[in-house]
C-alpha atoms as a PDB file:
ATOM      1  CA  MET A   1      23.567 155.062 106.911  1.00  0.00           C
ATOM      2  CA  THR A   2      22.347 152.746 104.182  1.00  0.00           C
ATOM      3  CA  LYS A   3      22.201 153.332 100.445  1.00  0.00           C
ATOM      4  CA  ALA A   4      18.455 153.974 100.815  1.00  0.00           C
ATOM      5  CA  ASP A   5      19.170 156.603 103.494  1.00  0.00           C
ATOM      6  CA  LEU A   6      21.677 158.319 101.204  1.00  0.00           C
ATOM      7  CA  ILE A   7      19.147 158.341  98.352  1.00  0.00           C
ATOM      8  CA  ALA A   8      16.539 159.883 100.678  1.00  0.00           C
ATOM      9  CA  VAL A   9      18.931 162.648 101.768  1.00  0.00           C
ATOM     10  CA  ILE A  10      19.876 163.489  98.168  1.00  0.00           C
ATOM     11  CA  GLU A  11      16.216 163.429  97.191  1.00  0.00           C
ATOM     12  CA  LYS A  12      15.339 165.921  99.933  1.00  0.00           C
ATOM     13  CA  GLN A  13      18.393 168.216  99.666  1.00  0.00           C
ATOM     14  CA  ALA A  14      18.379 168.439  95.863  1.00  0.00           C
ATOM     15  CA  ASN A  15      14.585 168.488  95.573  1.00  0.00           C
ATOM     16  CA  LEU A  16      14.560 165.456  93.254  1.00  0.00           C
ATOM     17  CA  ASN A  17      12.157 162.587  92.847  1.00  0.00           C
ATOM     18  CA  PRO A  18      13.225 159.208  94.293  1.00  0.00           C
ATOM     19  CA  LYS A  19      14.148 157.717  90.899  1.00  0.00           C
ATOM     20  CA  GLN A  20      16.415 160.668  90.039  1.00  0.00           C
ATOM     21  CA  ALA A  21      18.164 160.522  93.422  1.00  0.00           C
ATOM     22  CA  GLU A  22      18.635 156.750  93.106  1.00  0.00           C
ATOM     23  CA  LYS A  23      20.090 157.180  89.613  1.00  0.00           C
ATOM     24  CA  ILE A  24      22.616 159.739  90.900  1.00  0.00           C
ATOM     25  CA  VAL A  25      23.761 157.442  93.718  1.00  0.00           C
ATOM     26  CA  ASN A  26      23.993 154.440  91.373  1.00  0.00           C
ATOM     27  CA  ILE A  27      26.010 156.406  88.809  1.00  0.00           C
ATOM     28  CA  ALA A  28      28.427 157.589  91.515  1.00  0.00           C
ATOM     29  CA  PHE A  29      28.907 154.088  92.967  1.00  0.00           C
ATOM     30  CA  ASP A  30      29.163 152.411  89.550  1.00  0.00           C
ATOM     31  CA  THR A  31      31.783 154.943  88.444  1.00  0.00           C
ATOM     32  CA  MET A  32      33.816 154.348  91.600  1.00  0.00           C
ATOM     33  CA  ILE A  33      33.571 150.569  91.193  1.00  0.00           C
ATOM     34  CA  GLN A  34      34.699 150.824  87.558  1.00  0.00           C
ATOM     35  CA  ALA A  35      37.666 153.002  88.550  1.00  0.00           C
ATOM     36  CA  LEU A  36      38.785 150.439  91.137  1.00  0.00           C
ATOM     37  CA  TYR A  37      38.206 147.616  88.650  1.00  0.00           C
ATOM     38  CA  ASP A  38      40.497 149.500  86.219  1.00  0.00           C
ATOM     39  CA  ASP A  39      43.049 149.768  89.063  1.00  0.00           C
ATOM     40  CA  GLU A  40      42.657 153.556  89.302  1.00  0.00           C
ATOM     41  CA  GLY A  41      42.653 155.358  92.619  1.00  0.00           C
ATOM     42  CA  ILE A  42      39.820 157.591  93.786  1.00  0.00           C
ATOM     43  CA  GLU A  43      40.554 160.747  95.767  1.00  0.00           C
ATOM     44  CA  ILE A  44      37.822 162.842  97.339  1.00  0.00           C
ATOM     45  CA  ARG A  45      39.508 165.846  98.952  1.00  0.00           C
ATOM     46  CA  GLY A  46      38.577 166.327 102.594  1.00  0.00           C
ATOM     47  CA  PHE A  47      36.934 162.898 102.718  1.00  0.00           C
ATOM     48  CA  GLY A  48      39.440 160.202 101.791  1.00  0.00           C
ATOM     49  CA  SER A  49      40.788 157.995  99.064  1.00  0.00           C
ATOM     50  CA  PHE A  50      40.157 154.529  97.721  1.00  0.00           C
ATOM     51  CA  ALA A  51      42.838 152.332  96.180  1.00  0.00           C
ATOM     52  CA  ASN A  52      43.426 148.656  95.571  1.00  0.00           C
ATOM     53  CA  ARG A  53      45.846 146.709  97.691  1.00  0.00           C
ATOM     54  CA  ASN A  54      47.455 143.890  95.764  1.00  0.00           C
ATOM     55  CA  TYR A  55      48.229 140.649  97.567  1.00  0.00           C
ATOM     56  CA  LYS A  56      50.502 137.959  96.148  1.00  0.00           C
ATOM     57  CA  ALA A  57      49.574 134.287  96.069  1.00  0.00           C
ATOM     58  CA  TYR A  58      50.537 132.364  99.181  1.00  0.00           C
ATOM     59  CA  GLU A  59      50.007 129.084 100.974  1.00  0.00           C
ATOM     60  CA  GLY A  60      47.628 129.245 103.896  1.00  0.00           C
ATOM     61  CA  ARG A  61      46.072 126.695 106.201  1.00  0.00           C
ATOM     62  CA  ASN A  62      42.504 125.623 106.645  1.00  0.00           C
ATOM     63  CA  PRO A  63      41.942 126.321 110.369  1.00  0.00           C
ATOM     64  CA  LYS A  64      39.521 123.402 110.697  1.00  0.00           C
ATOM     65  CA  THR A  65      41.603 120.682 109.087  1.00  0.00           C
ATOM     66  CA  GLY A  66      45.107 122.156 109.149  1.00  0.00           C
ATOM     67  CA  LYS A  67      45.445 121.269 105.467  1.00  0.00           C
ATOM     68  CA  VAL A  68      47.651 123.538 103.317  1.00  0.00           C
ATOM     69  CA  VAL A  69      45.594 125.608 100.869  1.00  0.00           C
ATOM     70  CA  LYS A  70      46.814 127.718  97.948  1.00  0.00           C
ATOM     71  CA  VAL A  71      45.460 131.265  98.040  1.00  0.00           C
ATOM     72  CA  ASP A  72      45.338 133.042  94.680  1.00  0.00           C
ATOM     73  CA  PRO A  73      46.649 136.594  94.234  1.00  0.00           C
ATOM     74  CA  LYS A  74      43.966 139.212  94.770  1.00  0.00           C
ATOM     75  CA  LYS A  75      43.120 142.901  94.777  1.00  0.00           C
ATOM     76  CA  VAL A  76      41.205 144.299  97.736  1.00  0.00           C
ATOM     77  CA  PRO A  77      39.740 147.836  97.796  1.00  0.00           C
ATOM     78  CA  PHE A  78      41.109 149.901 100.683  1.00  0.00           C
ATOM     79  CA  PHE A  79      39.811 153.222 102.055  1.00  0.00           C
ATOM     80  CA  LYS A  80      42.129 155.756 103.676  1.00  0.00           C
ATOM     81  CA  VAL A  81      40.314 158.475 105.590  1.00  0.00           C
ATOM     82  CA  GLY A  82      41.184 162.092 104.763  1.00  0.00           C
ATOM     83  CA  LYS A  83      42.701 164.451 107.311  1.00  0.00           C
ATOM     84  CA  GLU A  84      39.697 166.810 107.432  1.00  0.00           C
ATOM     85  CA  LEU A  85      37.178 164.009 107.949  1.00  0.00           C
ATOM     86  CA  LYS A  86      39.378 162.362 110.568  1.00  0.00           C
ATOM     87  CA  GLU A  87      39.692 165.608 112.515  1.00  0.00           C
ATOM     88  CA  MET A  88      35.955 166.347 112.247  1.00  0.00           C
ATOM     89  CA  VAL A  89      34.971 162.906 113.538  1.00  0.00           C
ATOM     90  CA  ASP A  90      37.590 163.023 116.277  1.00  0.00           C
ATOM     91  CA  ALA A  91      36.403 166.460 117.432  1.00  0.00           C
ATOM     92  CA  GLY A  92      32.922 165.027 117.902  1.00  0.00           C
ATOM     93  CA  LYS A  93      31.074 167.276 115.473  1.00  0.00           C
ATOM     94  CA  GLU A  94      27.484 166.236 115.966  1.00  0.00           C
ATOM     95  CA  LYS A  95      26.108 167.417 112.653  1.00  0.00           C
ATOM     96  CA  TYR A  96      27.904 168.245 109.450  1.00  0.00           C
ATOM     97  CA  VAL A  97      26.435 171.240 107.651  1.00  0.00           C
ATOM     98  CA  ILE A  98      25.478 170.349 104.083  1.00  0.00           C
ATOM     99  CA  ARG A  99      26.891 172.853 101.618  1.00  0.00           C
ATOM    100  CA  GLU A 100      24.568 174.472  99.140  1.00  0.00           C
ATOM    101  CA  ALA A 101      25.425 173.925  95.483  1.00  0.00           C
END
């Protein structure tokens, strides 16, 4: 599923116009990105959680030349799947029923 697919589903399910659905998706993604940027975790019950993994600086090697390279410390977003989603996917549920608001 692409971002465009998600926008189309929200547009259809919520009976919105394309611009409104796109705005909702963009607000949700931008808010999640900002939370991770601020080093906050994101927990969506039944779905999963997002958190940053912090890596220290280290010396690596360029595989082509073998030369030692310094790698700066970094934060990498990490997703941990929730128990309910994991079980649903593992059970082979073919179609998830969309809840009505």
